[in-house]
PDB file of N, CA and C in Angstrom:
ATOM      1  N   VAL A   1      14.794   0.808   1.230  1.00  0.00           N
ATOM      2  CA  VAL A   1      13.810   1.305   0.294  1.00  0.00           C
ATOM      3  C   VAL A   1      14.553   1.773  -0.953  1.00  0.00           C
ATOM      4  N   VAL A   2      14.024   1.373  -2.093  1.00  0.00           N
ATOM      5  CA  VAL A   2      14.582   1.795  -3.372  1.00  0.00           C
ATOM      6  C   VAL A   2      13.541   2.666  -4.063  1.00  0.00           C
ATOM      7  N   ALA A   3      13.961   3.813  -4.508  1.00  0.00           N
ATOM      8  CA  ALA A   3      13.052   4.731  -5.192  1.00  0.00           C
ATOM      9  C   ALA A   3      13.605   5.058  -6.573  1.00  0.00           C
ATOM     10  N   THR A   4      12.758   4.883  -7.576  1.00  0.00           N
ATOM     11  CA  THR A   4      13.106   5.237  -8.945  1.00  0.00           C
ATOM     12  C   THR A   4      11.966   6.060  -9.522  1.00  0.00           C
ATOM     13  N   ALA A   5      12.119   6.520 -10.731  1.00  0.00           N
ATOM     14  CA  ALA A   5      11.042   7.269 -11.378  1.00  0.00           C
ATOM     15  C   ALA A   5       9.801   6.399 -11.570  1.00  0.00           C
ATOM     16  N   ALA A   6       9.997   5.083 -11.646  1.00  0.00           N
ATOM     17  CA  ALA A   6       8.879   4.162 -11.844  1.00  0.00           C
ATOM     18  C   ALA A   6       8.148   3.816 -10.553  1.00  0.00           C
ATOM     19  N   GLY A   7       8.750   4.112  -9.413  1.00  0.00           N
ATOM     20  CA  GLY A   7       8.102   3.796  -8.142  1.00  0.00           C
ATOM     21  C   GLY A   7       9.109   3.414  -7.077  1.00  0.00           C
ATOM     22  N   THR A   8       8.596   2.881  -5.981  1.00  0.00           N
ATOM     23  CA  THR A   8       9.460   2.492  -4.866  1.00  0.00           C
ATOM     24  C   THR A   8       9.167   1.045  -4.473  1.00  0.00           C
ATOM     25  N   PHE A   9      10.165   0.416  -3.833  1.00  0.00           N
ATOM     26  CA  PHE A   9       9.951  -0.897  -3.238  1.00  0.00           C
ATOM     27  C   PHE A   9      10.871  -1.053  -2.038  1.00  0.00           C
ATOM     28  N   HIS A  10      10.498  -1.980  -1.178  1.00  0.00           N
ATOM     29  CA  HIS A  10      11.244  -2.243   0.049  1.00  0.00           C
ATOM     30  C   HIS A  10      11.868  -3.617  -0.041  1.00  0.00           C
ATOM     31  N   GLN A  11      13.129  -3.717   0.268  1.00  0.00           N
ATOM     32  CA  GLN A  11      13.822  -5.004   0.344  1.00  0.00           C
ATOM     33  C   GLN A  11      14.142  -5.254   1.807  1.00  0.00           C
ATOM     34  N   PRO A  12      13.480  -6.214   2.441  1.00  0.00           N
ATOM     35  CA  PRO A  12      13.754  -6.451   3.857  1.00  0.00           C
ATOM     36  C   PRO A  12      15.135  -7.055   4.077  1.00  0.00           C
ATOM     37  N   ALA A  13      15.660  -6.822   5.263  1.00  0.00           N
ATOM     38  CA  ALA A  13      16.926  -7.439   5.655  1.00  0.00           C
ATOM     39  C   ALA A  13      16.712  -8.934   5.828  1.00  0.00           C
ATOM     40  N   LEU A  14      17.784  -9.694   5.703  1.00  0.00           N
ATOM     41  CA  LEU A  14      17.692 -11.143   5.886  1.00  0.00           C
ATOM     42  C   LEU A  14      17.938 -11.487   7.353  1.00  0.00           C
ATOM     43  N   PRO A  15      17.263 -12.495   7.865  1.00  0.00           N
ATOM     44  CA  PRO A  15      17.403 -12.861   9.277  1.00  0.00           C
ATOM     45  C   PRO A  15      18.684 -13.654   9.539  1.00  0.00           C
ATOM     46  N   VAL A  16      19.701 -12.978  10.006  1.00  0.00           N
ATOM     47  CA  VAL A  16      20.968 -13.621  10.362  1.00  0.00           C
ATOM     48  C   VAL A  16      21.370 -13.156  11.758  1.00  0.00           C
ATOM     49  N   THR A  17      22.256 -13.903  12.373  1.00  0.00           N
ATOM     50  CA  THR A  17      22.814 -13.492  13.658  1.00  0.00           C
ATOM     51  C   THR A  17      24.052 -12.656  13.373  1.00  0.00           C
ATOM     52  N   ALA A  18      23.977 -11.377  13.688  1.00  0.00           N
ATOM     53  CA  ALA A  18      25.087 -10.470  13.398  1.00  0.00           C
ATOM     54  C   ALA A  18      26.176 -10.605  14.450  1.00  0.00           C
ATOM     55  N   ARG A  19      27.398 -10.769  13.977  1.00  0.00           N
ATOM     56  CA  ARG A  19      28.560 -10.800  14.867  1.00  0.00           C
ATOM     57  C   ARG A  19      29.312  -9.475  14.824  1.00  0.00           C
ATOM     58  N   ASP A  20      29.292  -8.794  13.662  1.00  0.00           N
ATOM     59  CA  ASP A  20      30.011  -7.533  13.511  1.00  0.00           C
ATOM     60  C   ASP A  20      29.440  -6.818  12.284  1.00  0.00           C
ATOM     61  N   THR A  21      28.925  -5.619  12.468  1.00  0.00           N
ATOM     62  CA  THR A  21      28.274  -4.906  11.362  1.00  0.00           C
ATOM     63  C   THR A  21      29.169  -3.852  10.714  1.00  0.00           C
ATOM     64  N   VAL A  22      30.449  -3.866  11.035  1.00  0.00           N
ATOM     65  CA  VAL A  22      31.343  -2.796  10.604  1.00  0.00           C
ATOM     66  C   VAL A  22      31.396  -2.612   9.080  1.00  0.00           C
ATOM     67  N   ALA A  23      31.240  -3.663   8.315  1.00  0.00           N
ATOM     68  CA  ALA A  23      31.406  -3.541   6.864  1.00  0.00           C
ATOM     69  C   ALA A  23      30.117  -3.801   6.091  1.00  0.00           C
ATOM     70  N   ALA A  24      28.991  -3.791   6.760  1.00  0.00           N
ATOM     71  CA  ALA A  24      27.731  -4.133   6.100  1.00  0.00           C
ATOM     72  C   ALA A  24      27.408  -3.192   4.938  1.00  0.00           C
ATOM     73  N   GLY A  25      27.583  -1.910   5.125  1.00  0.00           N
ATOM     74  CA  GLY A  25      27.296  -0.948   4.056  1.00  0.00           C
ATOM     75  C   GLY A  25      28.225  -1.118   2.869  1.00  0.00           C
ATOM     76  N   ASP A  26      29.497  -1.337   3.145  1.00  0.00           N
ATOM     77  CA  ASP A  26      30.460  -1.571   2.071  1.00  0.00           C
ATOM     78  C   ASP A  26      30.110  -2.840   1.310  1.00  0.00           C
ATOM     79  N   ALA A  27      29.721  -3.884   2.043  1.00  0.00           N
ATOM     80  CA  ALA A  27      29.356  -5.148   1.403  1.00  0.00           C
ATOM     81  C   ALA A  27      28.117  -4.958   0.526  1.00  0.00           C
ATOM     82  N   PHE A  28      27.123  -4.242   1.045  1.00  0.00           N
ATOM     83  CA  PHE A  28      25.918  -3.993   0.260  1.00  0.00           C
ATOM     84  C   PHE A  28      26.260  -3.250  -1.031  1.00  0.00           C
ATOM     85  N   ASN A  29      27.025  -2.165  -0.921  1.00  0.00           N
ATOM     86  CA  ASN A  29      27.364  -1.373  -2.102  1.00  0.00           C
ATOM     87  C   ASN A  29      28.196  -2.166  -3.100  1.00  0.00           C
ATOM     88  N   GLY A  30      29.119  -2.967  -2.604  1.00  0.00           N
ATOM     89  CA  GLY A  30      29.909  -3.813  -3.503  1.00  0.00           C
ATOM     90  C   GLY A  30      29.046  -4.842  -4.195  1.00  0.00           C
ATOM     91  N   GLY A  31      28.139  -5.474  -3.447  1.00  0.00           N
ATOM     92  CA  GLY A  31      27.230  -6.453  -4.038  1.00  0.00           C
ATOM     93  C   GLY A  31      26.321  -5.823  -5.075  1.00  0.00           C
ATOM     94  N   LEU A  32      25.833  -4.621  -4.778  1.00  0.00           N
ATOM     95  CA  LEU A  32      24.972  -3.917  -5.728  1.00  0.00           C
ATOM     96  C   LEU A  32      25.747  -3.579  -7.006  1.00  0.00           C
ATOM     97  N   ALA A  33      26.972  -3.108  -6.853  1.00  0.00           N
ATOM     98  CA  ALA A  33      27.789  -2.771  -8.020  1.00  0.00           C
ATOM     99  C   ALA A  33      28.060  -4.003  -8.881  1.00  0.00           C
ATOM    100  N   VAL A  34      28.377  -5.124  -8.235  1.00  0.00           N
ATOM    101  CA  VAL A  34      28.627  -6.363  -8.983  1.00  0.00           C
ATOM    102  C   VAL A  34      27.369  -6.777  -9.739  1.00  0.00           C
ATOM    103  N   ALA A  35      26.238  -6.800  -9.037  1.00  0.00           N
ATOM    104  CA  ALA A  35      24.989  -7.246  -9.659  1.00  0.00           C
ATOM    105  C   ALA A  35      24.594  -6.358 -10.834  1.00  0.00           C
ATOM    106  N   LEU A  36      24.690  -5.054 -10.654  1.00  0.00           N
ATOM    107  CA  LEU A  36      24.328  -4.142 -11.745  1.00  0.00           C
ATOM    108  C   LEU A  36      25.302  -4.268 -12.918  1.00  0.00           C
ATOM    109  N   SER A  37      26.584  -4.490 -12.617  1.00  0.00           N
ATOM    110  CA  SER A  37      27.562  -4.643 -13.701  1.00  0.00           C
ATOM    111  C   SER A  37      27.324  -5.934 -14.477  1.00  0.00           C
ATOM    112  N   GLU A  38      26.651  -6.891 -13.839  1.00  0.00           N
ATOM    113  CA  GLU A  38      26.294  -8.143 -14.510  1.00  0.00           C
ATOM    114  C   GLU A  38      24.908  -8.054 -15.144  1.00  0.00           C
ATOM    115  N   THR A  39      24.385  -6.868 -15.220  1.00  0.00           N
ATOM    116  CA  THR A  39      23.098  -6.535 -15.844  1.00  0.00           C
ATOM    117  C   THR A  39      21.884  -7.179 -15.180  1.00  0.00           C
ATOM    118  N   MET A  40      21.976  -7.408 -13.869  1.00  0.00           N
ATOM    119  CA  MET A  40      20.785  -7.853 -13.141  1.00  0.00           C
ATOM    120  C   MET A  40      19.783  -6.713 -13.113  1.00  0.00           C
ATOM    121  N   ALA A  41      18.508  -7.058 -13.110  1.00  0.00           N
ATOM    122  CA  ALA A  41      17.463  -6.056 -12.930  1.00  0.00           C
ATOM    123  C   ALA A  41      17.633  -5.445 -11.539  1.00  0.00           C
ATOM    124  N   LEU A  42      17.166  -4.218 -11.368  1.00  0.00           N
ATOM    125  CA  LEU A  42      17.388  -3.506 -10.113  1.00  0.00           C
ATOM    126  C   LEU A  42      16.871  -4.285  -8.912  1.00  0.00           C
ATOM    127  N   ALA A  43      15.684  -4.823  -8.958  1.00  0.00           N
ATOM    128  CA  ALA A  43      15.134  -5.554  -7.812  1.00  0.00           C
ATOM    129  C   ALA A  43      16.000  -6.766  -7.466  1.00  0.00           C
ATOM    130  N   ALA A  44      16.442  -7.502  -8.463  1.00  0.00           N
ATOM    131  CA  ALA A  44      17.309  -8.655  -8.225  1.00  0.00           C
ATOM    132  C   ALA A  44      18.666  -8.221  -7.696  1.00  0.00           C
ATOM    133  N   ALA A  45      19.181  -7.108  -8.198  1.00  0.00           N
ATOM    134  CA  ALA A  45      20.474  -6.590  -7.736  1.00  0.00           C
ATOM    135  C   ALA A  45      20.407  -6.176  -6.270  1.00  0.00           C
ATOM    136  N   VAL A  46      19.313  -5.543  -5.879  1.00  0.00           N
ATOM    137  CA  VAL A  46      19.149  -5.127  -4.478  1.00  0.00           C
ATOM    138  C   VAL A  46      18.997  -6.360  -3.588  1.00  0.00           C
ATOM    139  N   GLU A  47      18.284  -7.362  -4.064  1.00  0.00           N
ATOM    140  CA  GLU A  47      18.149  -8.607  -3.293  1.00  0.00           C
ATOM    141  C   GLU A  47      19.516  -9.270  -3.113  1.00  0.00           C
ATOM    142  N   PHE A  48      20.321  -9.323  -4.181  1.00  0.00           N
ATOM    143  CA  PHE A  48      21.664  -9.889  -4.097  1.00  0.00           C
ATOM    144  C   PHE A  48      22.524  -9.084  -3.127  1.00  0.00           C
ATOM    145  N   ALA A  49      22.487  -7.764  -3.244  1.00  0.00           N
ATOM    146  CA  ALA A  49      23.283  -6.905  -2.363  1.00  0.00           C
ATOM    147  C   ALA A  49      22.889  -7.093  -0.901  1.00  0.00           C
ATOM    148  N   THR A  50      21.610  -7.277  -0.654  1.00  0.00           N
ATOM    149  CA  THR A  50      21.139  -7.520   0.705  1.00  0.00           C
ATOM    150  C   THR A  50      21.698  -8.839   1.238  1.00  0.00           C
ATOM    151  N   ALA A  51      21.759  -9.850   0.395  1.00  0.00           N
ATOM    152  CA  ALA A  51      22.337 -11.130   0.800  1.00  0.00           C
ATOM    153  C   ALA A  51      23.837 -11.003   1.073  1.00  0.00           C
ATOM    154  N   VAL A  52      24.524 -10.222   0.255  1.00  0.00           N
ATOM    155  CA  VAL A  52      25.958  -9.996   0.472  1.00  0.00           C
ATOM    156  C   VAL A  52      26.169  -9.302   1.825  1.00  0.00           C
ATOM    157  N   ALA A  53      25.391  -8.275   2.105  1.00  0.00           N
ATOM    158  CA  ALA A  53      25.510  -7.562   3.380  1.00  0.00           C
ATOM    159  C   ALA A  53      25.182  -8.482   4.549  1.00  0.00           C
ATOM    160  N   ALA A  54      24.147  -9.294   4.403  1.00  0.00           N
ATOM    161  CA  ALA A  54      23.776 -10.218   5.479  1.00  0.00           C
ATOM    162  C   ALA A  54      24.896 -11.214   5.757  1.00  0.00           C
ATOM    163  N   ALA A  55      25.484 -11.743   4.710  1.00  0.00           N
ATOM    164  CA  ALA A  55      26.593 -12.684   4.891  1.00  0.00           C
ATOM    165  C   ALA A  55      27.778 -11.995   5.559  1.00  0.00           C
ATOM    166  N   SER A  56      28.008 -10.731   5.241  1.00  0.00           N
ATOM    167  CA  SER A  56      29.173 -10.028   5.792  1.00  0.00           C
ATOM    168  C   SER A  56      29.076  -9.813   7.293  1.00  0.00           C
ATOM    169  N   VAL A  57      27.885  -9.669   7.828  1.00  0.00           N
ATOM    170  CA  VAL A  57      27.771  -9.380   9.271  1.00  0.00           C
ATOM    171  C   VAL A  57      27.894 -10.632  10.124  1.00  0.00           C
ATOM    172  N   THR A  58      27.981 -11.799   9.501  1.00  0.00           N
ATOM    173  CA  THR A  58      28.107 -13.039  10.268  1.00  0.00           C
ATOM    174  C   THR A  58      29.552 -13.367  10.618  1.00  0.00           C
ATOM    175  N   VAL A  59      30.477 -12.559  10.138  1.00  0.00           N
ATOM    176  CA  VAL A  59      31.911 -12.773  10.365  1.00  0.00           C
ATOM    177  C   VAL A  59      32.503 -11.496  10.959  1.00  0.00           C
ATOM    178  N   PRO A  60      33.327 -11.600  12.003  1.00  0.00           N
ATOM    179  CA  PRO A  60      33.920 -10.381  12.566  1.00  0.00           C
ATOM    180  C   PRO A  60      34.966  -9.766  11.641  1.00  0.00           C
ATOM    181  N   GLY A  61      35.109  -8.460  11.762  1.00  0.00           N
ATOM    182  CA  GLY A  61      36.101  -7.735  10.984  1.00  0.00           C
ATOM    183  C   GLY A  61      35.480  -7.099   9.762  1.00  0.00           C
ATOM    184  N   ALA A  62      36.322  -6.464   8.972  1.00  0.00           N
ATOM    185  CA  ALA A  62      35.836  -5.802   7.766  1.00  0.00           C
ATOM    186  C   ALA A  62      36.264  -6.576   6.529  1.00  0.00           C
ATOM    187  N   GLN A  63      37.559  -6.622   6.269  1.00  0.00           N
ATOM    188  CA  GLN A  63      38.032  -7.281   5.052  1.00  0.00           C
ATOM    189  C   GLN A  63      37.707  -8.777   5.073  1.00  0.00           C
ATOM    190  N   ALA A  64      37.914  -9.417   6.212  1.00  0.00           N
ATOM    191  CA  ALA A  64      37.633 -10.857   6.318  1.00  0.00           C
ATOM    192  C   ALA A  64      36.143 -11.161   6.170  1.00  0.00           C
ATOM    193  N   ALA A  65      35.299 -10.173   6.439  1.00  0.00           N
ATOM    194  CA  ALA A  65      33.855 -10.381   6.388  1.00  0.00           C
ATOM    195  C   ALA A  65      33.290 -10.330   4.977  1.00  0.00           C
ATOM    196  N   MET A  66      34.047  -9.804   4.022  1.00  0.00           N
ATOM    197  CA  MET A  66      33.524  -9.700   2.661  1.00  0.00           C
ATOM    198  C   MET A  66      33.324 -11.103   2.096  1.00  0.00           C
ATOM    199  N   PRO A  67      32.076 -11.466   1.797  1.00  0.00           N
ATOM    200  CA  PRO A  67      31.816 -12.839   1.367  1.00  0.00           C
ATOM    201  C   PRO A  67      32.114 -13.062  -0.107  1.00  0.00           C
ATOM    202  N   ASP A  68      32.441 -14.300  -0.415  1.00  0.00           N
ATOM    203  CA  ASP A  68      32.523 -14.683  -1.820  1.00  0.00           C
ATOM    204  C   ASP A  68      31.156 -15.219  -2.241  1.00  0.00           C
ATOM    205  N   ARG A  69      31.009 -15.535  -3.507  1.00  0.00           N
ATOM    206  CA  ARG A  69      29.702 -15.984  -4.002  1.00  0.00           C
ATOM    207  C   ARG A  69      29.247 -17.276  -3.327  1.00  0.00           C
ATOM    208  N   ALA A  70      30.176 -18.141  -2.977  1.00  0.00           N
ATOM    209  CA  ALA A  70      29.798 -19.400  -2.337  1.00  0.00           C
ATOM    210  C   ALA A  70      29.137 -19.151  -0.985  1.00  0.00           C
ATOM    211  N   ARG A  71      29.668 -18.201  -0.226  1.00  0.00           N
ATOM    212  CA  ARG A  71      29.070 -17.907   1.084  1.00  0.00           C
ATOM    213  C   ARG A  71      27.718 -17.229   0.933  1.00  0.00           C
ATOM    214  N   VAL A  72      27.564 -16.374  -0.072  1.00  0.00           N
ATOM    215  CA  VAL A  72      26.261 -15.739  -0.323  1.00  0.00           C
ATOM    216  C   VAL A  72      25.261 -16.800  -0.760  1.00  0.00           C
ATOM    217  N   ALA A  73      25.680 -17.707  -1.630  1.00  0.00           N
ATOM    218  CA  ALA A  73      24.784 -18.774  -2.091  1.00  0.00           C
ATOM    219  C   ALA A  73      24.400 -19.694  -0.936  1.00  0.00           C
ATOM    220  N   ALA A  74      25.344 -19.999  -0.052  1.00  0.00           N
ATOM    221  CA  ALA A  74      25.053 -20.856   1.100  1.00  0.00           C
ATOM    222  C   ALA A  74      24.029 -20.187   2.011  1.00  0.00           C
ATOM    223  N   LEU A  75      24.136 -18.892   2.177  1.00  0.00           N
ATOM    224  CA  LEU A  75      23.163 -18.158   2.994  1.00  0.00           C
ATOM    225  C   LEU A  75      21.783 -18.257   2.350  1.00  0.00           C
ATOM    226  N   GLY A  76      21.734 -18.105   1.050  1.00  0.00           N
ATOM    227  CA  GLY A  76      20.461 -18.211   0.344  1.00  0.00           C
ATOM    228  C   GLY A  76      19.838 -19.588   0.502  1.00  0.00           C
ATOM    229  N   ARG A  77      20.670 -20.629   0.426  1.00  0.00           N
ATOM    230  CA  ARG A  77      20.152 -21.990   0.596  1.00  0.00           C
ATOM    231  C   ARG A  77      19.653 -22.221   2.012  1.00  0.00           C
ATOM    232  N   SER A  78      20.363 -21.705   3.001  1.00  0.00           N
ATOM    233  CA  SER A  78      19.935 -21.907   4.389  1.00  0.00           C
ATOM    234  C   SER A  78      18.638 -21.162   4.679  1.00  0.00           C
ATOM    235  N   LEU A  79      18.461 -19.996   4.070  1.00  0.00           N
ATOM    236  CA  LEU A  79      17.220 -19.243   4.281  1.00  0.00           C
ATOM    237  C   LEU A  79      16.043 -19.905   3.560  1.00  0.00           C
ATOM    238  N   ALA A  80      16.311 -20.515   2.411  1.00  0.00           N
ATOM    239  CA  ALA A  80      15.257 -21.181   1.674  1.00  0.00           C
ATOM    240  C   ALA A  80      14.718 -22.389   2.437  1.00  0.00           C
ATOM    241  N   ALA A  81      15.565 -22.951   3.301  1.00  0.00           N
ATOM    242  CA  ALA A  81      15.148 -24.112   4.075  1.00  0.00           C
ATOM    243  C   ALA A  81      14.252 -23.745   5.257  1.00  0.00           C
ATOM    244  N   LEU A  82      14.157 -22.462   5.586  1.00  0.00           N
ATOM    245  CA  LEU A  82      13.342 -22.036   6.729  1.00  0.00           C
ATOM    246  C   LEU A  82      11.869 -22.187   6.458  1.00  0.00           C
TER     247      LEU A  82
END
């Protein structure tokens, strides 16, 4: 849930098979920071961060689980096919 002075919205988690959730929060925060630094609107930034976190839980470990943009984009393409 995201709350701002303008209101609130919910960004659902993406449906992935989690192998290890140890770095999901770090991945989300890193993805959010990247998106906001690239001047994405808040809703789009949260959606991107959610995809980064989802991609991170599909790989065991912490550092190795941090996805690059290609893995986040691949996750987005696979979900779009559902």
